[in-house]
PDB file of N, CA and C in Angstrom:
ATOM      1  N   MET A   1      74.770  21.754 123.502  1.00  0.00           N
ATOM      2  CA  MET A   1      74.674  20.429 122.926  1.00  0.00           C
ATOM      3  C   MET A   1      75.297  19.419 123.887  1.00  0.00           C
ATOM      4  N   ALA A   2      74.678  18.292 123.960  1.00  0.00           N
ATOM      5  CA  ALA A   2      75.171  17.247 124.848  1.00  0.00           C
ATOM      6  C   ALA A   2      76.396  16.545 124.261  1.00  0.00           C
ATOM      7  N   SER A   3      76.427  16.358 122.958  1.00  0.00           N
ATOM      8  CA  SER A   3      77.575  15.710 122.314  1.00  0.00           C
ATOM      9  C   SER A   3      77.668  16.167 120.862  1.00  0.00           C
ATOM     10  N   ALA A   4      78.766  15.789 120.195  1.00  0.00           N
ATOM     11  CA  ALA A   4      78.927  16.146 118.789  1.00  0.00           C
ATOM     12  C   ALA A   4      78.005  15.315 117.902  1.00  0.00           C
ATOM     13  N   LEU A   5      77.576  14.145 118.379  1.00  0.00           N
ATOM     14  CA  LEU A   5      76.704  13.288 117.590  1.00  0.00           C
ATOM     15  C   LEU A   5      75.242  13.700 117.702  1.00  0.00           C
ATOM     16  N   ASN A   6      74.858  14.177 118.849  1.00  0.00           N
ATOM     17  CA  ASN A   6      73.476  14.591 119.072  1.00  0.00           C
ATOM     18  C   ASN A   6      73.481  16.099 119.295  1.00  0.00           C
ATOM     19  N   ASN A   7      73.072  16.844 118.292  1.00  0.00           N
ATOM     20  CA  ASN A   7      73.134  18.293 118.402  1.00  0.00           C
ATOM     21  C   ASN A   7      71.782  18.926 118.720  1.00  0.00           C
ATOM     22  N   SER A   8      70.948  18.216 119.430  1.00  0.00           N
ATOM     23  CA  SER A   8      69.663  18.783 119.826  1.00  0.00           C
ATOM     24  C   SER A   8      69.848  19.711 121.031  1.00  0.00           C
ATOM     25  N   VAL A   9      68.991  20.683 121.133  1.00  0.00           N
ATOM     26  CA  VAL A   9      69.052  21.643 122.223  1.00  0.00           C
ATOM     27  C   VAL A   9      68.506  20.987 123.489  1.00  0.00           C
ATOM     28  N   THR A  10      69.225  21.123 124.582  1.00  0.00           N
ATOM     29  CA  THR A  10      68.799  20.491 125.826  1.00  0.00           C
ATOM     30  C   THR A  10      68.072  21.457 126.764  1.00  0.00           C
ATOM     31  N   GLY A  11      67.947  22.700 126.383  1.00  0.00           N
ATOM     32  CA  GLY A  11      67.266  23.677 127.220  1.00  0.00           C
ATOM     33  C   GLY A  11      66.474  24.648 126.371  1.00  0.00           C
ATOM     34  N   SER A  12      65.631  25.403 127.033  1.00  0.00           N
ATOM     35  CA  SER A  12      64.811  26.382 126.328  1.00  0.00           C
ATOM     36  C   SER A  12      65.288  27.789 126.676  1.00  0.00           C
ATOM     37  N   ILE A  13      64.704  28.769 126.042  1.00  0.00           N
ATOM     38  CA  ILE A  13      65.046  30.156 126.345  1.00  0.00           C
ATOM     39  C   ILE A  13      64.622  30.487 127.774  1.00  0.00           C
ATOM     40  N   ASP A  14      63.554  29.861 128.234  1.00  0.00           N
ATOM     41  CA  ASP A  14      63.112  30.054 129.611  1.00  0.00           C
ATOM     42  C   ASP A  14      64.167  29.545 130.582  1.00  0.00           C
ATOM     43  N   ASP A  15      64.757  28.392 130.281  1.00  0.00           N
ATOM     44  CA  ASP A  15      65.839  27.859 131.117  1.00  0.00           C
ATOM     45  C   ASP A  15      67.034  28.808 131.148  1.00  0.00           C
ATOM     46  N   PHE A  16      67.325  29.419 130.013  1.00  0.00           N
ATOM     47  CA  PHE A  16      68.439  30.350 129.902  1.00  0.00           C
ATOM     48  C   PHE A  16      68.299  31.489 130.914  1.00  0.00           C
ATOM     49  N   PHE A  17      67.091  32.043 131.015  1.00  0.00           N
ATOM     50  CA  PHE A  17      66.882  33.153 131.939  1.00  0.00           C
ATOM     51  C   PHE A  17      66.684  32.678 133.376  1.00  0.00           C
ATOM     52  N   ARG A  18      66.010  31.557 133.573  1.00  0.00           N
ATOM     53  CA  ARG A  18      65.810  31.052 134.935  1.00  0.00           C
ATOM     54  C   ARG A  18      67.123  30.661 135.605  1.00  0.00           C
ATOM     55  N   LYS A  19      68.034  30.105 134.834  1.00  0.00           N
ATOM     56  CA  LYS A  19      69.327  29.690 135.376  1.00  0.00           C
ATOM     57  C   LYS A  19      70.327  30.832 135.402  1.00  0.00           C
ATOM     58  N   ARG A  20      69.915  31.987 134.924  1.00  0.00           N
ATOM     59  CA  ARG A  20      70.780  33.166 134.860  1.00  0.00           C
ATOM     60  C   ARG A  20      72.080  32.850 134.112  1.00  0.00           C
ATOM     61  N   SER A  21      71.944  32.242 132.951  1.00  0.00           N
ATOM     62  CA  SER A  21      73.099  31.871 132.137  1.00  0.00           C
ATOM     63  C   SER A  21      73.652  33.046 131.339  1.00  0.00           C
ATOM     64  N   TYR A  22      73.046  34.181 131.459  1.00  0.00           N
ATOM     65  CA  TYR A  22      73.473  35.347 130.700  1.00  0.00           C
ATOM     66  C   TYR A  22      74.348  36.261 131.553  1.00  0.00           C
ATOM     67  N   LYS A  23      75.148  37.053 130.889  1.00  0.00           N
ATOM     68  CA  LYS A  23      75.952  38.073 131.554  1.00  0.00           C
ATOM     69  C   LYS A  23      75.807  39.343 130.738  1.00  0.00           C
ATOM     70  N   GLY A  24      75.708  40.443 131.413  1.00  0.00           N
ATOM     71  CA  GLY A  24      75.580  41.694 130.697  1.00  0.00           C
ATOM     72  C   GLY A  24      75.099  42.797 131.611  1.00  0.00           C
ATOM     73  N   GLU A  25      74.954  43.954 131.036  1.00  0.00           N
ATOM     74  CA  GLU A  25      74.496  45.120 131.777  1.00  0.00           C
ATOM     75  C   GLU A  25      73.182  45.598 131.178  1.00  0.00           C
ATOM     76  N   ILE A  26      72.354  46.149 132.019  1.00  0.00           N
ATOM     77  CA  ILE A  26      71.116  46.746 131.552  1.00  0.00           C
ATOM     78  C   ILE A  26      71.472  48.103 130.972  1.00  0.00           C
ATOM     79  N   TYR A  27      71.123  48.338 129.720  1.00  0.00           N
ATOM     80  CA  TYR A  27      71.456  49.628 129.102  1.00  0.00           C
ATOM     81  C   TYR A  27      70.223  50.382 128.626  1.00  0.00           C
ATOM     82  N   LYS A  28      69.059  49.703 128.595  1.00  0.00           N
ATOM     83  CA  LYS A  28      67.851  50.370 128.146  1.00  0.00           C
ATOM     84  C   LYS A  28      66.646  49.689 128.754  1.00  0.00           C
ATOM     85  N   THR A  29      65.654  50.486 129.115  1.00  0.00           N
ATOM     86  CA  THR A  29      64.403  49.953 129.631  1.00  0.00           C
ATOM     87  C   THR A  29      63.260  50.647 128.909  1.00  0.00           C
ATOM     88  N   GLY A  30      62.080  50.107 129.090  1.00  0.00           N
ATOM     89  CA  GLY A  30      60.907  50.756 128.517  1.00  0.00           C
ATOM     90  C   GLY A  30      60.573  51.994 129.318  1.00  0.00           C
ATOM     91  N   ASN A  31      60.599  53.144 128.670  1.00  0.00           N
ATOM     92  CA  ASN A  31      60.239  54.394 129.335  1.00  0.00           C
ATOM     93  C   ASN A  31      59.524  55.276 128.314  1.00  0.00           C
ATOM     94  N   PRO A  32      58.834  56.306 128.793  1.00  0.00           N
ATOM     95  CA  PRO A  32      58.033  57.125 127.871  1.00  0.00           C
ATOM     96  C   PRO A  32      58.821  57.710 126.694  1.00  0.00           C
ATOM     97  N   GLY A  33      60.050  58.112 126.919  1.00  0.00           N
ATOM     98  CA  GLY A  33      60.838  58.682 125.830  1.00  0.00           C
ATOM     99  C   GLY A  33      61.577  57.658 125.004  1.00  0.00           C
ATOM    100  N   ASN A  34      61.514  56.388 125.392  1.00  0.00           N
ATOM    101  CA  ASN A  34      62.237  55.298 124.746  1.00  0.00           C
ATOM    102  C   ASN A  34      63.731  55.624 124.647  1.00  0.00           C
ATOM    103  N   ARG A  35      64.273  56.154 125.744  1.00  0.00           N
ATOM    104  CA  ARG A  35      65.687  56.531 125.783  1.00  0.00           C
ATOM    105  C   ARG A  35      66.490  55.480 126.541  1.00  0.00           C
ATOM    106  N   SER A  36      67.751  55.372 126.205  1.00  0.00           N
ATOM    107  CA  SER A  36      68.632  54.469 126.945  1.00  0.00           C
ATOM    108  C   SER A  36      69.023  55.132 128.259  1.00  0.00           C
ATOM    109  N   ILE A  37      69.551  54.342 129.173  1.00  0.00           N
ATOM    110  CA  ILE A  37      69.926  54.859 130.492  1.00  0.00           C
ATOM    111  C   ILE A  37      70.987  55.953 130.359  1.00  0.00           C
ATOM    112  N   SER A  38      71.904  55.796 129.432  1.00  0.00           N
ATOM    113  CA  SER A  38      72.964  56.799 129.265  1.00  0.00           C
ATOM    114  C   SER A  38      72.414  58.139 128.784  1.00  0.00           C
ATOM    115  N   GLN A  39      71.239  58.126 128.145  1.00  0.00           N
ATOM    116  CA  GLN A  39      70.652  59.369 127.665  1.00  0.00           C
ATOM    117  C   GLN A  39      69.966  60.167 128.770  1.00  0.00           C
ATOM    118  N   TYR A  40      69.471  59.488 129.811  1.00  0.00           N
ATOM    119  CA  TYR A  40      68.802  60.249 130.861  1.00  0.00           C
ATOM    120  C   TYR A  40      69.590  60.299 132.171  1.00  0.00           C
ATOM    121  N   THR A  41      70.826  59.833 132.168  1.00  0.00           N
ATOM    122  CA  THR A  41      71.727  60.035 133.307  1.00  0.00           C
ATOM    123  C   THR A  41      72.916  60.857 132.824  1.00  0.00           C
ATOM    124  N   SER A  42      73.517  61.606 133.755  1.00  0.00           N
ATOM    125  CA  SER A  42      74.592  62.503 133.330  1.00  0.00           C
ATOM    126  C   SER A  42      75.991  61.997 133.695  1.00  0.00           C
ATOM    127  N   THR A  43      76.104  61.115 134.697  1.00  0.00           N
ATOM    128  CA  THR A  43      77.422  60.621 135.096  1.00  0.00           C
ATOM    129  C   THR A  43      77.434  59.097 135.088  1.00  0.00           C
ATOM    130  N   PRO A  44      78.612  58.505 134.992  1.00  0.00           N
ATOM    131  CA  PRO A  44      78.691  57.043 135.055  1.00  0.00           C
ATOM    132  C   PRO A  44      78.173  56.481 136.386  1.00  0.00           C
ATOM    133  N   GLU A  45      78.335  57.236 137.464  1.00  0.00           N
ATOM    134  CA  GLU A  45      77.848  56.777 138.769  1.00  0.00           C
ATOM    135  C   GLU A  45      76.321  56.707 138.777  1.00  0.00           C
ATOM    136  N   GLU A  46      75.671  57.723 138.188  1.00  0.00           N
ATOM    137  CA  GLU A  46      74.208  57.709 138.102  1.00  0.00           C
ATOM    138  C   GLU A  46      73.728  56.541 137.243  1.00  0.00           C
ATOM    139  N   MET A  47      74.453  56.288 136.165  1.00  0.00           N
ATOM    140  CA  MET A  47      74.085  55.185 135.279  1.00  0.00           C
ATOM    141  C   MET A  47      74.196  53.851 136.010  1.00  0.00           C
ATOM    142  N   LYS A  48      75.279  53.654 136.740  1.00  0.00           N
ATOM    143  CA  LYS A  48      75.469  52.413 137.498  1.00  0.00           C
ATOM    144  C   LYS A  48      74.389  52.266 138.575  1.00  0.00           C
ATOM    145  N   ALA A  49      74.057  53.375 139.256  1.00  0.00           N
ATOM    146  CA  ALA A  49      73.016  53.332 140.290  1.00  0.00           C
ATOM    147  C   ALA A  49      71.662  52.982 139.683  1.00  0.00           C
ATOM    148  N   GLU A  50      71.368  53.522 138.505  1.00  0.00           N
ATOM    149  CA  GLU A  50      70.112  53.213 137.823  1.00  0.00           C
ATOM    150  C   GLU A  50      70.074  51.756 137.392  1.00  0.00           C
ATOM    151  N   GLN A  51      71.180  51.221 136.892  1.00  0.00           N
ATOM    152  CA  GLN A  51      71.248  49.806 136.522  1.00  0.00           C
ATOM    153  C   GLN A  51      71.013  48.912 137.731  1.00  0.00           C
ATOM    154  N   GLU A  52      71.617  49.261 138.864  1.00  0.00           N
ATOM    155  CA  GLU A  52      71.439  48.474 140.083  1.00  0.00           C
ATOM    156  C   GLU A  52      69.999  48.570 140.589  1.00  0.00           C
ATOM    157  N   ARG A  53      69.380  49.744 140.470  1.00  0.00           N
ATOM    158  CA  ARG A  53      67.983  49.908 140.890  1.00  0.00           C
ATOM    159  C   ARG A  53      67.065  49.012 140.061  1.00  0.00           C
ATOM    160  N   ILE A  54      67.296  48.988 138.765  1.00  0.00           N
ATOM    161  CA  ILE A  54      66.472  48.161 137.882  1.00  0.00           C
ATOM    162  C   ILE A  54      66.699  46.678 138.185  1.00  0.00           C
ATOM    163  N   GLU A  55      67.943  46.291 138.421  1.00  0.00           N
ATOM    164  CA  GLU A  55      68.248  44.890 138.764  1.00  0.00           C
ATOM    165  C   GLU A  55      67.558  44.491 140.070  1.00  0.00           C
ATOM    166  N   ARG A  56      67.590  45.364 141.077  1.00  0.00           N
ATOM    167  CA  ARG A  56      66.894  45.091 142.343  1.00  0.00           C
ATOM    168  C   ARG A  56      65.396  44.950 142.112  1.00  0.00           C
ATOM    169  N   GLU A  57      64.841  45.812 141.283  1.00  0.00           N
ATOM    170  CA  GLU A  57      63.410  45.753 140.980  1.00  0.00           C
ATOM    171  C   GLU A  57      63.051  44.421 140.320  1.00  0.00           C
ATOM    172  N   LEU A  58      63.886  43.970 139.404  1.00  0.00           N
ATOM    173  CA  LEU A  58      63.654  42.681 138.751  1.00  0.00           C
ATOM    174  C   LEU A  58      63.731  41.526 139.753  1.00  0.00           C
ATOM    175  N   LEU A  59      64.697  41.574 140.648  1.00  0.00           N
ATOM    176  CA  LEU A  59      64.821  40.531 141.667  1.00  0.00           C
ATOM    177  C   LEU A  59      63.626  40.538 142.619  1.00  0.00           C
ATOM    178  N   ASP A  60      63.139  41.725 142.968  1.00  0.00           N
ATOM    179  CA  ASP A  60      61.959  41.821 143.836  1.00  0.00           C
ATOM    180  C   ASP A  60      60.738  41.204 143.167  1.00  0.00           C
ATOM    181  N   VAL A  61      60.570  41.467 141.881  1.00  0.00           N
ATOM    182  CA  VAL A  61      59.449  40.884 141.146  1.00  0.00           C
ATOM    183  C   VAL A  61      59.598  39.366 141.093  1.00  0.00           C
ATOM    184  N   GLU A  62      60.813  38.884 140.869  1.00  0.00           N
ATOM    185  CA  GLU A  62      61.052  37.441 140.833  1.00  0.00           C
ATOM    186  C   GLU A  62      60.709  36.793 142.174  1.00  0.00           C
ATOM    187  N   GLN A  63      61.127  37.419 143.263  1.00  0.00           N
ATOM    188  CA  GLN A  63      60.816  36.877 144.587  1.00  0.00           C
ATOM    189  C   GLN A  63      59.319  36.887 144.846  1.00  0.00           C
ATOM    190  N   LEU A  64      58.635  37.933 144.417  1.00  0.00           N
ATOM    191  CA  LEU A  64      57.186  38.007 144.585  1.00  0.00           C
ATOM    192  C   LEU A  64      56.500  36.892 143.815  1.00  0.00           C
ATOM    193  N   ILE A  65      56.950  36.652 142.604  1.00  0.00           N
ATOM    194  CA  ILE A  65      56.359  35.584 141.793  1.00  0.00           C
ATOM    195  C   ILE A  65      56.592  34.228 142.445  1.00  0.00           C
ATOM    196  N   ARG A  66      57.794  34.008 142.972  1.00  0.00           N
ATOM    197  CA  ARG A  66      58.075  32.727 143.633  1.00  0.00           C
ATOM    198  C   ARG A  66      57.231  32.544 144.880  1.00  0.00           C
ATOM    199  N   LYS A  67      57.036  33.620 145.654  1.00  0.00           N
ATOM    200  CA  LYS A  67      56.192  33.528 146.850  1.00  0.00           C
ATOM    201  C   LYS A  67      54.761  33.212 146.472  1.00  0.00           C
ATOM    202  N   GLU A  68      54.240  33.865 145.428  1.00  0.00           N
ATOM    203  CA  GLU A  68      52.881  33.587 144.983  1.00  0.00           C
ATOM    204  C   GLU A  68      52.765  32.157 144.481  1.00  0.00           C
ATOM    205  N   GLY A  69      53.801  31.653 143.824  1.00  0.00           N
ATOM    206  CA  GLY A  69      53.799  30.273 143.352  1.00  0.00           C
ATOM    207  C   GLY A  69      53.765  29.286 144.498  1.00  0.00           C
ATOM    208  N   GLU A  70      54.466  29.609 145.593  1.00  0.00           N
ATOM    209  CA  GLU A  70      54.451  28.741 146.767  1.00  0.00           C
ATOM    210  C   GLU A  70      53.078  28.725 147.409  1.00  0.00           C
ATOM    211  N   VAL A  71      52.418  29.857 147.449  1.00  0.00           N
ATOM    212  CA  VAL A  71      51.085  29.933 148.040  1.00  0.00           C
ATOM    213  C   VAL A  71      50.113  29.119 147.205  1.00  0.00           C
ATOM    214  N   ILE A  72      50.218  29.214 145.890  1.00  0.00           N
ATOM    215  CA  ILE A  72      49.334  28.472 145.008  1.00  0.00           C
ATOM    216  C   ILE A  72      49.642  26.983 145.077  1.00  0.00           C
ATOM    217  N   ALA A  73      50.911  26.618 145.252  1.00  0.00           N
ATOM    218  CA  ALA A  73      51.311  25.211 145.257  1.00  0.00           C
ATOM    219  C   ALA A  73      50.863  24.481 146.512  1.00  0.00           C
ATOM    220  N   THR A  74      50.625  25.184 147.604  1.00  0.00           N
ATOM    221  CA  THR A  74      50.189  24.517 148.815  1.00  0.00           C
ATOM    222  C   THR A  74      48.740  24.097 148.659  1.00  0.00           C
ATOM    223  N   PRO A  75      48.425  22.871 149.040  1.00  0.00           N
ATOM    224  CA  PRO A  75      47.047  22.401 148.868  1.00  0.00           C
ATOM    225  C   PRO A  75      46.105  23.133 149.822  1.00  0.00           C
ATOM    226  N   PRO A  76      44.908  23.419 149.366  1.00  0.00           N
ATOM    227  CA  PRO A  76      43.955  24.112 150.241  1.00  0.00           C
ATOM    228  C   PRO A  76      43.475  23.194 151.354  1.00  0.00           C
ATOM    229  N   ARG A  77      43.171  23.794 152.489  1.00  0.00           N
ATOM    230  CA  ARG A  77      42.637  23.015 153.604  1.00  0.00           C
ATOM    231  C   ARG A  77      41.189  22.655 153.308  1.00  0.00           C
ATOM    232  N   GLU A  78      40.793  21.511 153.784  1.00  0.00           N
ATOM    233  CA  GLU A  78      39.411  21.102 153.585  1.00  0.00           C
ATOM    234  C   GLU A  78      38.548  21.776 154.630  1.00  0.00           C
ATOM    235  N   VAL A  79      37.451  22.313 154.178  1.00  0.00           N
ATOM    236  CA  VAL A  79      36.524  22.996 155.063  1.00  0.00           C
ATOM    237  C   VAL A  79      35.230  22.197 155.071  1.00  0.00           C
ATOM    238  N   LYS A  80      34.767  21.878 156.261  1.00  0.00           N
ATOM    239  CA  LYS A  80      33.501  21.159 156.368  1.00  0.00           C
ATOM    240  C   LYS A  80      32.376  22.159 156.193  1.00  0.00           C
ATOM    241  N   ARG A  81      31.457  21.801 155.324  1.00  0.00           N
ATOM    242  CA  ARG A  81      30.334  22.686 155.056  1.00  0.00           C
ATOM    243  C   ARG A  81      29.046  22.000 155.460  1.00  0.00           C
ATOM    244  N   SER A  82      28.166  22.799 155.984  1.00  0.00           N
ATOM    245  CA  SER A  82      26.878  22.246 156.383  1.00  0.00           C
ATOM    246  C   SER A  82      25.972  22.182 155.173  1.00  0.00           C
ATOM    247  N   SER A  83      25.064  21.297 155.196  1.00  0.00           N
ATOM    248  CA  SER A  83      24.131  21.119 154.102  1.00  0.00           C
ATOM    249  C   SER A  83      23.110  22.248 154.119  1.00  0.00           C
ATOM    250  N   ASN A  84      22.728  22.734 152.962  1.00  0.00           N
ATOM    251  CA  ASN A  84      21.743  23.805 152.853  1.00  0.00           C
ATOM    252  C   ASN A  84      20.338  23.261 152.658  1.00  0.00           C
ATOM    253  N   LYS A  85      20.123  21.978 152.900  1.00  0.00           N
ATOM    254  CA  LYS A  85      18.815  21.376 152.699  1.00  0.00           C
ATOM    255  C   LYS A  85      17.898  21.735 153.846  1.00  0.00           C
ATOM    256  N   LYS A  86      16.641  21.982 153.505  1.00  0.00           N
ATOM    257  CA  LYS A  86      15.633  22.274 154.518  1.00  0.00           C
ATOM    258  C   LYS A  86      15.080  20.967 155.062  1.00  0.00           C
ATOM    259  N   SER A  87      14.429  21.046 156.176  1.00  0.00           N
ATOM    260  CA  SER A  87      13.933  19.837 156.817  1.00  0.00           C
ATOM    261  C   SER A  87      12.854  19.151 156.005  1.00  0.00           C
ATOM    262  N   SER A  88      12.138  19.861 155.145  1.00  0.00           N
ATOM    263  CA  SER A  88      11.084  19.237 154.363  1.00  0.00           C
ATOM    264  C   SER A  88      11.624  18.458 153.174  1.00  0.00           C
ATOM    265  N   GLY A  89      12.926  18.635 152.889  1.00  0.00           N
ATOM    266  CA  GLY A  89      13.531  17.887 151.804  1.00  0.00           C
ATOM    267  C   GLY A  89      13.490  18.624 150.478  1.00  0.00           C
ATOM    268  N   THR A  90      12.853  19.787 150.399  1.00  0.00           N
ATOM    269  CA  THR A  90      12.837  20.563 149.167  1.00  0.00           C
ATOM    270  C   THR A  90      13.695  21.796 149.345  1.00  0.00           C
ATOM    271  N   THR A  91      14.294  22.216 148.269  1.00  0.00           N
ATOM    272  CA  THR A  91      15.108  23.421 148.322  1.00  0.00           C
ATOM    273  C   THR A  91      14.590  24.389 147.277  1.00  0.00           C
ATOM    274  N   THR A  92      14.733  25.642 147.555  1.00  0.00           N
ATOM    275  CA  THR A  92      14.339  26.647 146.581  1.00  0.00           C
ATOM    276  C   THR A  92      15.555  26.996 145.749  1.00  0.00           C
ATOM    277  N   SER A  93      15.323  27.509 144.558  1.00  0.00           N
ATOM    278  CA  SER A  93      16.441  27.836 143.688  1.00  0.00           C
ATOM    279  C   SER A  93      17.256  28.997 144.235  1.00  0.00           C
ATOM    280  N   ALA A  94      16.667  29.837 145.052  1.00  0.00           N
ATOM    281  CA  ALA A  94      17.400  30.966 145.618  1.00  0.00           C
ATOM    282  C   ALA A  94      18.436  30.500 146.635  1.00  0.00           C
ATOM    283  N   SER A  95      18.161  29.447 147.384  1.00  0.00           N
ATOM    284  CA  SER A  95      19.108  28.977 148.390  1.00  0.00           C
ATOM    285  C   SER A  95      20.037  27.902 147.848  1.00  0.00           C
ATOM    286  N   GLN A  96      19.832  27.488 146.624  1.00  0.00           N
ATOM    287  CA  GLN A  96      20.634  26.421 146.038  1.00  0.00           C
ATOM    288  C   GLN A  96      21.824  27.028 145.299  1.00  0.00           C
ATOM    289  N   THR A  97      23.026  26.538 145.584  1.00  0.00           N
ATOM    290  CA  THR A  97      24.216  27.035 144.912  1.00  0.00           C
ATOM    291  C   THR A  97      24.567  26.123 143.751  1.00  0.00           C
ATOM    292  N   MET A  98      25.536  26.556 142.936  1.00  0.00           N
ATOM    293  CA  MET A  98      25.958  25.748 141.783  1.00  0.00           C
ATOM    294  C   MET A  98      26.554  24.415 142.219  1.00  0.00           C
ATOM    295  N   ARG A  99      27.190  24.383 143.372  1.00  0.00           N
ATOM    296  CA  ARG A  99      27.766  23.119 143.856  1.00  0.00           C
ATOM    297  C   ARG A  99      26.685  22.110 144.213  1.00  0.00           C
ATOM    298  N   ASN A 100      25.573  22.601 144.718  1.00  0.00           N
ATOM    299  CA  ASN A 100      24.521  21.693 145.158  1.00  0.00           C
ATOM    300  C   ASN A 100      23.664  21.210 144.008  1.00  0.00           C
ATOM    301  N   ARG A 101      23.678  21.889 142.887  1.00  0.00           N
ATOM    302  CA  ARG A 101      22.855  21.492 141.750  1.00  0.00           C
ATOM    303  C   ARG A 101      23.434  20.251 141.097  1.00  0.00           C
ATOM    304  N   ARG A 102      22.578  19.387 140.724  1.00  0.00           N
ATOM    305  CA  ARG A 102      22.983  18.166 140.026  1.00  0.00           C
ATOM    306  C   ARG A 102      22.233  18.134 138.704  1.00  0.00           C
ATOM    307  N   TYR A 103      22.959  17.882 137.654  1.00  0.00           N
ATOM    308  CA  TYR A 103      22.341  17.864 136.327  1.00  0.00           C
ATOM    309  C   TYR A 103      22.253  16.470 135.814  1.00  0.00           C
TER     310      TYR A 103
END
């Protein structure tokens, strides 16, 4: 809340995760047996290593998504295209693309 007088929420759940406002440990993931990490690891060291592996995997996915977003955000280069019109001024429907059609 921004103040005691205005108690509206200033962020969304998406902001909560994007800003990494949470603290905690990963204790369960989706797996075929639907088991928690402590159920399929035998020592605390294995459990910690599995938690770190999952955290790294999540960060890798986040970086991949950001890279793809940057690629999409860059404007495409303009490509000069030659006209598909024949010298007689008529075109056949087979050589005409959807871009060239005018309705």
